[in-house]
């Protein structure tokens, strides 16, 4: 994997950790209601997971069909 892609993913994950930490701290101090937020976060994660699974399936089927043609040709 390209190093620039790794850096972008790393920064994105750091931002996610910071966001979840801030939400948790606000919930601990009872500034926000965690019940609604946790429910919405889990539903959002389920939607993202389902979309990622569909995208992974599509890429695996399309890329797998194209790569054997390249591998069959002798160098």
N, C-alpha and C. Protein backbone atom coordinates (compact mmCIF):
# COMPACT_ATOMS: atom_id res chain seq x y z
N UNK A 1 0.85 -1.18 0.00
CA UNK A 1 0.00 0.00 0.00
C UNK A 1 0.89 1.23 0.00
N UNK A 2 0.48 2.22 -0.72
CA UNK A 2 1.24 3.46 -0.84
C UNK A 2 1.35 4.15 0.52
N UNK A 3 2.51 4.77 0.78
CA UNK A 3 2.71 5.41 2.09
C UNK A 3 1.80 6.61 2.28
N UNK A 4 1.47 7.33 1.21
CA UNK A 4 0.58 8.48 1.37
C UNK A 4 -0.83 8.03 1.74
N UNK A 5 -1.26 6.90 1.20
CA UNK A 5 -2.57 6.35 1.57
C UNK A 5 -2.57 5.92 3.03
N UNK A 6 -1.48 5.31 3.46
CA UNK A 6 -1.37 4.91 4.87
C UNK A 6 -1.43 6.12 5.79
N UNK A 7 -0.76 7.20 5.41
CA UNK A 7 -0.78 8.41 6.24
C UNK A 7 -2.19 9.00 6.31
N UNK A 8 -2.88 9.04 5.19
CA UNK A 8 -4.24 9.58 5.17
C UNK A 8 -5.15 8.74 6.05
N UNK A 9 -5.06 7.43 5.93
CA UNK A 9 -5.88 6.53 6.76
C UNK A 9 -5.52 6.69 8.23
N UNK A 10 -4.23 6.84 8.52
CA UNK A 10 -3.80 7.02 9.92
C UNK A 10 -4.37 8.30 10.51
N UNK A 11 -4.30 9.40 9.77
CA UNK A 11 -4.85 10.66 10.27
C UNK A 11 -6.36 10.57 10.44
N UNK A 12 -7.03 9.90 9.51
CA UNK A 12 -8.47 9.73 9.61
C UNK A 12 -8.84 8.94 10.87
N UNK A 13 -8.08 7.88 11.14
CA UNK A 13 -8.35 7.07 12.33
C UNK A 13 -8.07 7.87 13.61
N UNK A 14 -7.04 8.70 13.60
CA UNK A 14 -6.74 9.54 14.76
C UNK A 14 -7.89 10.51 15.01
N UNK A 15 -8.42 11.10 13.95
CA UNK A 15 -9.54 12.02 14.08
C UNK A 15 -10.77 11.30 14.64
N UNK A 16 -11.03 10.08 14.15
CA UNK A 16 -12.16 9.30 14.68
C UNK A 16 -12.00 9.02 16.17
N UNK A 17 -10.80 8.65 16.59
CA UNK A 17 -10.56 8.38 18.01
C UNK A 17 -10.80 9.64 18.83
N UNK A 18 -10.34 10.78 18.35
CA UNK A 18 -10.54 12.03 19.08
C UNK A 18 -12.02 12.38 19.16
N UNK A 19 -12.76 12.20 18.08
CA UNK A 19 -14.18 12.50 18.09
C UNK A 19 -14.92 11.61 19.09
N UNK A 20 -14.64 10.29 19.04
CA UNK A 20 -15.30 9.38 19.97
C UNK A 20 -14.92 9.66 21.41
N UNK A 21 -13.68 10.08 21.64
CA UNK A 21 -13.24 10.43 22.99
C UNK A 21 -13.99 11.66 23.50
N UNK A 22 -14.14 12.66 22.65
CA UNK A 22 -14.86 13.87 23.05
C UNK A 22 -16.33 13.55 23.33
N UNK A 23 -16.94 12.72 22.49
CA UNK A 23 -18.34 12.33 22.72
C UNK A 23 -18.47 11.58 24.04
N UNK A 24 -17.53 10.67 24.30
CA UNK A 24 -17.57 9.91 25.56
C UNK A 24 -17.41 10.83 26.77
N UNK A 25 -16.49 11.78 26.68
CA UNK A 25 -16.29 12.70 27.80
C UNK A 25 -17.51 13.58 28.03
N UNK A 26 -18.12 14.04 26.96
CA UNK A 26 -19.34 14.84 27.12
C UNK A 26 -20.47 14.02 27.72
N UNK A 27 -20.52 12.73 27.39
CA UNK A 27 -21.53 11.85 27.97
C UNK A 27 -21.26 11.56 29.44
N UNK A 28 -19.99 11.40 29.79
CA UNK A 28 -19.64 11.15 31.19
C UNK A 28 -20.01 12.34 32.06
N UNK A 29 -19.78 13.53 31.56
CA UNK A 29 -20.10 14.74 32.32
C UNK A 29 -21.56 15.14 32.16
N UNK A 30 -22.35 14.29 31.50
CA UNK A 30 -23.79 14.47 31.31
C UNK A 30 -24.13 15.80 30.62
N UNK A 31 -23.28 16.20 29.70
CA UNK A 31 -23.56 17.38 28.89
C UNK A 31 -24.47 16.99 27.72
N UNK A 32 -24.27 15.77 27.22
CA UNK A 32 -25.11 15.24 26.14
C UNK A 32 -25.68 13.90 26.57
N UNK A 33 -26.77 13.51 25.94
CA UNK A 33 -27.38 12.21 26.23
C UNK A 33 -26.74 11.14 25.35
N UNK A 34 -26.09 10.19 25.98
CA UNK A 34 -25.37 9.16 25.22
C UNK A 34 -26.28 8.13 24.58
N UNK A 35 -27.47 7.92 25.12
CA UNK A 35 -28.34 6.88 24.58
C UNK A 35 -28.67 7.13 23.12
N UNK A 36 -29.07 8.36 22.81
CA UNK A 36 -29.41 8.69 21.43
C UNK A 36 -28.18 8.64 20.52
N UNK A 37 -27.09 9.16 21.01
CA UNK A 37 -25.88 9.24 20.20
C UNK A 37 -25.32 7.84 19.93
N UNK A 38 -25.29 6.98 20.95
CA UNK A 38 -24.76 5.63 20.76
C UNK A 38 -25.62 4.86 19.78
N UNK A 39 -26.93 5.01 19.89
CA UNK A 39 -27.82 4.33 18.95
C UNK A 39 -27.56 4.79 17.53
N UNK A 40 -27.44 6.09 17.34
CA UNK A 40 -27.19 6.62 16.00
C UNK A 40 -25.81 6.21 15.48
N UNK A 41 -24.81 6.16 16.37
CA UNK A 41 -23.47 5.75 15.95
C UNK A 41 -23.47 4.29 15.50
N UNK A 42 -24.13 3.41 16.25
CA UNK A 42 -24.17 2.01 15.87
C UNK A 42 -24.93 1.80 14.57
N UNK A 43 -26.02 2.49 14.39
CA UNK A 43 -26.77 2.37 13.13
C UNK A 43 -25.93 2.90 11.97
N UNK A 44 -25.23 4.00 12.18
CA UNK A 44 -24.36 4.54 11.14
C UNK A 44 -23.23 3.57 10.81
N UNK A 45 -22.64 2.97 11.83
CA UNK A 45 -21.57 2.00 11.59
C UNK A 45 -22.08 0.77 10.85
N UNK A 46 -23.30 0.35 11.14
CA UNK A 46 -23.88 -0.79 10.42
C UNK A 46 -24.07 -0.45 8.94
N UNK A 47 -24.53 0.77 8.66
CA UNK A 47 -24.72 1.19 7.26
C UNK A 47 -23.38 1.25 6.54
N UNK A 48 -22.37 1.82 7.19
CA UNK A 48 -21.04 1.90 6.58
C UNK A 48 -20.47 0.50 6.37
N UNK A 49 -20.66 -0.40 7.34
CA UNK A 49 -20.17 -1.77 7.21
C UNK A 49 -20.85 -2.48 6.05
N UNK A 50 -22.15 -2.32 5.92
CA UNK A 50 -22.87 -2.96 4.81
C UNK A 50 -22.40 -2.41 3.47
N UNK A 51 -22.22 -1.10 3.38
CA UNK A 51 -21.74 -0.50 2.14
C UNK A 51 -20.33 -0.98 1.81
N UNK A 52 -19.47 -1.07 2.82
CA UNK A 52 -18.11 -1.55 2.59
C UNK A 52 -18.11 -3.01 2.15
N UNK A 53 -18.99 -3.82 2.72
CA UNK A 53 -19.07 -5.23 2.31
C UNK A 53 -19.51 -5.36 0.86
N UNK A 54 -20.47 -4.55 0.46
CA UNK A 54 -20.93 -4.59 -0.94
C UNK A 54 -19.82 -4.13 -1.87
N UNK A 55 -19.13 -3.06 -1.51
CA UNK A 55 -18.03 -2.56 -2.35
C UNK A 55 -16.91 -3.59 -2.43
N UNK A 56 -16.57 -4.22 -1.31
CA UNK A 56 -15.54 -5.25 -1.32
C UNK A 56 -15.94 -6.42 -2.20
N UNK A 57 -17.19 -6.82 -2.13
CA UNK A 57 -17.68 -7.91 -2.98
C UNK A 57 -17.56 -7.54 -4.46
N UNK A 58 -17.98 -6.33 -4.79
CA UNK A 58 -17.91 -5.89 -6.19
C UNK A 58 -16.46 -5.86 -6.68
N UNK A 59 -15.56 -5.28 -5.88
CA UNK A 59 -14.17 -5.22 -6.29
C UNK A 59 -13.55 -6.61 -6.39
N UNK A 60 -13.87 -7.48 -5.45
CA UNK A 60 -13.27 -8.82 -5.50
C UNK A 60 -13.75 -9.60 -6.71
N UNK A 61 -15.00 -9.43 -7.10
CA UNK A 61 -15.51 -10.14 -8.27
C UNK A 61 -14.93 -9.54 -9.55
N UNK A 62 -14.92 -8.23 -9.66
CA UNK A 62 -14.42 -7.59 -10.89
C UNK A 62 -12.92 -7.73 -11.04
N UNK A 63 -12.17 -7.51 -9.98
CA UNK A 63 -10.71 -7.60 -10.07
C UNK A 63 -10.26 -9.04 -10.24
N UNK A 64 -10.92 -9.97 -9.56
CA UNK A 64 -10.55 -11.38 -9.68
C UNK A 64 -10.79 -11.86 -11.11
N UNK A 65 -11.82 -11.37 -11.77
CA UNK A 65 -12.09 -11.77 -13.15
C UNK A 65 -11.06 -11.21 -14.12
N UNK A 66 -10.49 -10.06 -13.82
CA UNK A 66 -9.55 -9.43 -14.72
C UNK A 66 -8.12 -9.91 -14.51
N UNK A 67 -7.71 -10.21 -13.30
CA UNK A 67 -6.32 -10.57 -13.03
C UNK A 67 -5.89 -11.91 -13.62
N UNK A 68 -6.70 -12.98 -13.64
CA UNK A 68 -6.22 -14.23 -14.23
C UNK A 68 -5.82 -14.09 -15.70
N UNK A 69 -6.45 -13.19 -16.43
CA UNK A 69 -6.07 -12.97 -17.81
C UNK A 69 -4.63 -12.44 -17.90
N UNK A 70 -4.27 -11.56 -16.98
CA UNK A 70 -2.92 -11.03 -16.96
C UNK A 70 -1.92 -12.09 -16.54
N UNK A 71 -2.32 -12.96 -15.61
CA UNK A 71 -1.39 -13.97 -15.11
C UNK A 71 -1.16 -15.10 -16.10
N UNK A 72 -2.11 -15.36 -17.00
CA UNK A 72 -1.98 -16.45 -17.96
C UNK A 72 -0.94 -16.14 -19.04
N UNK A 73 -0.68 -14.90 -19.30
CA UNK A 73 0.28 -14.53 -20.35
C UNK A 73 1.70 -14.75 -19.86
N UNK A 74 2.53 -15.47 -20.63
CA UNK A 74 3.93 -15.66 -20.21
C UNK A 74 4.73 -14.38 -20.40
N UNK A 75 5.73 -14.20 -19.55
CA UNK A 75 6.58 -13.00 -19.66
C UNK A 75 7.65 -13.18 -20.70
